[in-house]
Every structure is written in C-alpha cells, then in structure tokens.
Amino acid sequence: MNPRAKNVEYENPYKLIITFTNGEVKLFDLQPYLAYPVYEPLKNELLCSNAAVKYGTIVWNDEIDIDPDRLYLESKTLNYSS
C-alpha cells in the first residue's frame, strides 16, 4: 500500500502540493483530469482550491475525490533547495 495524503495545499492553477504520511511532499497536476465529467466541477477554481484531506485522499465537498494510490504514484516529488 502506498502512503496516504496527510495535508494538501492548492497551488494555482489546478495543482496540489500534497504531504504524504511517509513525509514526502509531492506536486499533483489536476489539469489532465478536468476533461473527465466527474472532475469538471473543479474547473471552478474556488471549488478546486477547497481541497481537503479525508480518509487519506483528497476530496472536494465530500462529493469528488481521487484514488489515493493515483495521487501518490502520479505526483512529482518536490525538491526544495536553499
């Protein structure tokens, strides 16, 4: 089982910075998903920016979510440099 989401921050436009339970911080791009009907409401940036963590994944209004394994596997690791 892959790590689950612990924290999420919205990064304009349509990107999520996700902290996972293993401590990794990754960037997930929502843009490709907006073409699918289930994710179409997220084109509204106000709704999209209200992403929250619930049960180890990202949700919006308790109606839209993304598979937690997909979140982890398709996110890009962020490398912070000083």
C-alpha atoms as a PDB file:
ATOM      1  CA  MET A   1       0.000   0.000   0.000  1.00  0.00           C
ATOM      2  CA  ASN A   2       1.274   3.446  -0.927  1.00  0.00           C
ATOM      3  CA  PRO A   3       1.471   6.314   1.576  1.00  0.00           C
ATOM      4  CA  ARG A   4      -1.702   8.321   2.042  1.00  0.00           C
ATOM      5  CA  ALA A   5      -2.276  12.060   1.936  1.00  0.00           C
ATOM      6  CA  LYS A   6      -1.794  13.869   5.236  1.00  0.00           C
ATOM      7  CA  ASN A   7      -2.008  17.517   4.129  1.00  0.00           C
ATOM      8  CA  VAL A   8      -2.902  19.410   0.957  1.00  0.00           C
ATOM      9  CA  GLU A   9      -2.346  22.951  -0.307  1.00  0.00           C
ATOM     10  CA  TYR A  10      -3.808  24.347  -3.514  1.00  0.00           C
ATOM     11  CA  GLU A  11      -1.285  25.834  -5.946  1.00  0.00           C
ATOM     12  CA  ASN A  12      -2.753  27.908  -8.769  1.00  0.00           C
ATOM     13  CA  PRO A  13      -3.608  26.796 -11.420  1.00  0.00           C
ATOM     14  CA  TYR A  14      -5.019  23.326 -10.732  1.00  0.00           C
ATOM     15  CA  LYS A  15      -2.071  21.910  -8.831  1.00  0.00           C
ATOM     16  CA  LEU A  16      -1.953  20.359  -5.379  1.00  0.00           C
ATOM     17  CA  ILE A  17       1.013  20.222  -3.035  1.00  0.00           C
ATOM     18  CA  ILE A  18       0.472  17.073  -1.011  1.00  0.00           C
ATOM     19  CA  THR A  19       2.308  15.910   2.092  1.00  0.00           C
ATOM     20  CA  PHE A  20       2.089  12.143   2.455  1.00  0.00           C
ATOM     21  CA  THR A  21       2.179  10.006   5.585  1.00  0.00           C
ATOM     22  CA  ASN A  22       5.783   8.984   4.833  1.00  0.00           C
ATOM     23  CA  GLY A  23       6.887  12.655   4.911  1.00  0.00           C
ATOM     24  CA  GLU A  24       7.247  13.089   1.146  1.00  0.00           C
ATOM     25  CA  VAL A  25       5.959  16.322  -0.373  1.00  0.00           C
ATOM     26  CA  LYS A  26       4.750  15.972  -3.950  1.00  0.00           C
ATOM     27  CA  LEU A  27       3.036  18.023  -6.643  1.00  0.00           C
ATOM     28  CA  PHE A  28      -0.103  16.647  -8.318  1.00  0.00           C
ATOM     29  CA  ASP A  29      -1.365  18.256 -11.536  1.00  0.00           C
ATOM     30  CA  LEU A  30      -5.167  18.188 -11.814  1.00  0.00           C
ATOM     31  CA  GLN A  31      -5.257  19.717 -15.307  1.00  0.00           C
ATOM     32  CA  PRO A  32      -5.454  16.395 -17.231  1.00  0.00           C
ATOM     33  CA  TYR A  33      -8.380  15.242 -15.084  1.00  0.00           C
ATOM     34  CA  LEU A  34     -10.546  18.279 -15.799  1.00  0.00           C
ATOM     35  CA  ALA A  35     -11.525  16.734 -19.153  1.00  0.00           C
ATOM     36  CA  TYR A  36     -13.428  13.953 -17.347  1.00  0.00           C
ATOM     37  CA  PRO A  37     -17.063  14.705 -16.423  1.00  0.00           C
ATOM     38  CA  VAL A  38     -16.636  13.721 -12.772  1.00  0.00           C
ATOM     39  CA  TYR A  39     -13.875  16.323 -12.322  1.00  0.00           C
ATOM     40  CA  GLU A  40     -15.443  19.045 -14.479  1.00  0.00           C
ATOM     41  CA  PRO A  41     -16.784  20.995 -11.444  1.00  0.00           C
ATOM     42  CA  LEU A  42     -13.143  21.513 -10.399  1.00  0.00           C
ATOM     43  CA  LYS A  43     -12.713  23.928 -13.300  1.00  0.00           C
ATOM     44  CA  ASN A  44     -14.226  26.368 -10.825  1.00  0.00           C
ATOM     45  CA  GLU A  45     -11.038  27.469  -9.063  1.00  0.00           C
ATOM     46  CA  LEU A  46     -12.896  28.434  -5.901  1.00  0.00           C
ATOM     47  CA  LEU A  47     -14.158  24.862  -5.540  1.00  0.00           C
ATOM     48  CA  CYS A  48     -10.815  23.426  -6.618  1.00  0.00           C
ATOM     49  CA  SER A  49      -8.964  25.490  -4.031  1.00  0.00           C
ATOM     50  CA  ASN A  50     -11.128  23.987  -1.274  1.00  0.00           C
ATOM     51  CA  ALA A  51      -9.380  20.624  -1.471  1.00  0.00           C
ATOM     52  CA  ALA A  52      -9.225  18.767   1.833  1.00  0.00           C
ATOM     53  CA  VAL A  53      -7.776  15.522   3.158  1.00  0.00           C
ATOM     54  CA  LYS A  54     -10.221  12.835   4.199  1.00  0.00           C
ATOM     55  CA  TYR A  55      -9.510   9.137   4.722  1.00  0.00           C
ATOM     56  CA  GLY A  56      -6.017   9.519   3.259  1.00  0.00           C
ATOM     57  CA  THR A  57      -7.050  11.055  -0.036  1.00  0.00           C
ATOM     58  CA  ILE A  58      -8.052  14.445  -1.417  1.00  0.00           C
ATOM     59  CA  VAL A  59     -11.736  15.395  -1.542  1.00  0.00           C
ATOM     60  CA  TRP A  60     -13.868  18.336  -2.590  1.00  0.00           C
ATOM     61  CA  ASN A  61     -17.258  18.928  -0.937  1.00  0.00           C
ATOM     62  CA  ASP A  62     -17.355  15.246   0.075  1.00  0.00           C
ATOM     63  CA  GLU A  63     -18.525  14.519  -3.484  1.00  0.00           C
ATOM     64  CA  ILE A  64     -15.376  14.411  -5.595  1.00  0.00           C
ATOM     65  CA  ASP A  65     -12.210  12.507  -4.739  1.00  0.00           C
ATOM     66  CA  ILE A  66      -9.153  10.947  -6.340  1.00  0.00           C
ATOM     67  CA  ASP A  67      -7.829   7.454  -5.784  1.00  0.00           C
ATOM     68  CA  PRO A  68      -5.098   7.724  -3.106  1.00  0.00           C
ATOM     69  CA  ASP A  69      -2.733   5.398  -4.986  1.00  0.00           C
ATOM     70  CA  ARG A  70      -3.090   7.510  -8.130  1.00  0.00           C
ATOM     71  CA  LEU A  71      -2.318  10.635  -6.077  1.00  0.00           C
ATOM     72  CA  TYR A  72       0.914   9.149  -4.805  1.00  0.00           C
ATOM     73  CA  LEU A  73       2.092   7.407  -7.976  1.00  0.00           C
ATOM     74  CA  GLU A  74       1.327  10.255 -10.397  1.00  0.00           C
ATOM     75  CA  SER A  75       2.652  13.087  -8.229  1.00  0.00           C
ATOM     76  CA  LYS A  76       6.100  14.544  -8.769  1.00  0.00           C
ATOM     77  CA  THR A  77       8.447  14.815  -5.820  1.00  0.00           C
ATOM     78  CA  LEU A  78       9.250  18.393  -4.893  1.00  0.00           C
ATOM     79  CA  ASN A  79      12.897  19.138  -4.247  1.00  0.00           C
ATOM     80  CA  TYR A  80      13.367  22.142  -2.040  1.00  0.00           C
ATOM     81  CA  SER A  81      16.749  23.821  -2.276  1.00  0.00           C
ATOM     82  CA  SER A  82      18.086  26.546  -0.032  1.00  0.00           C
END
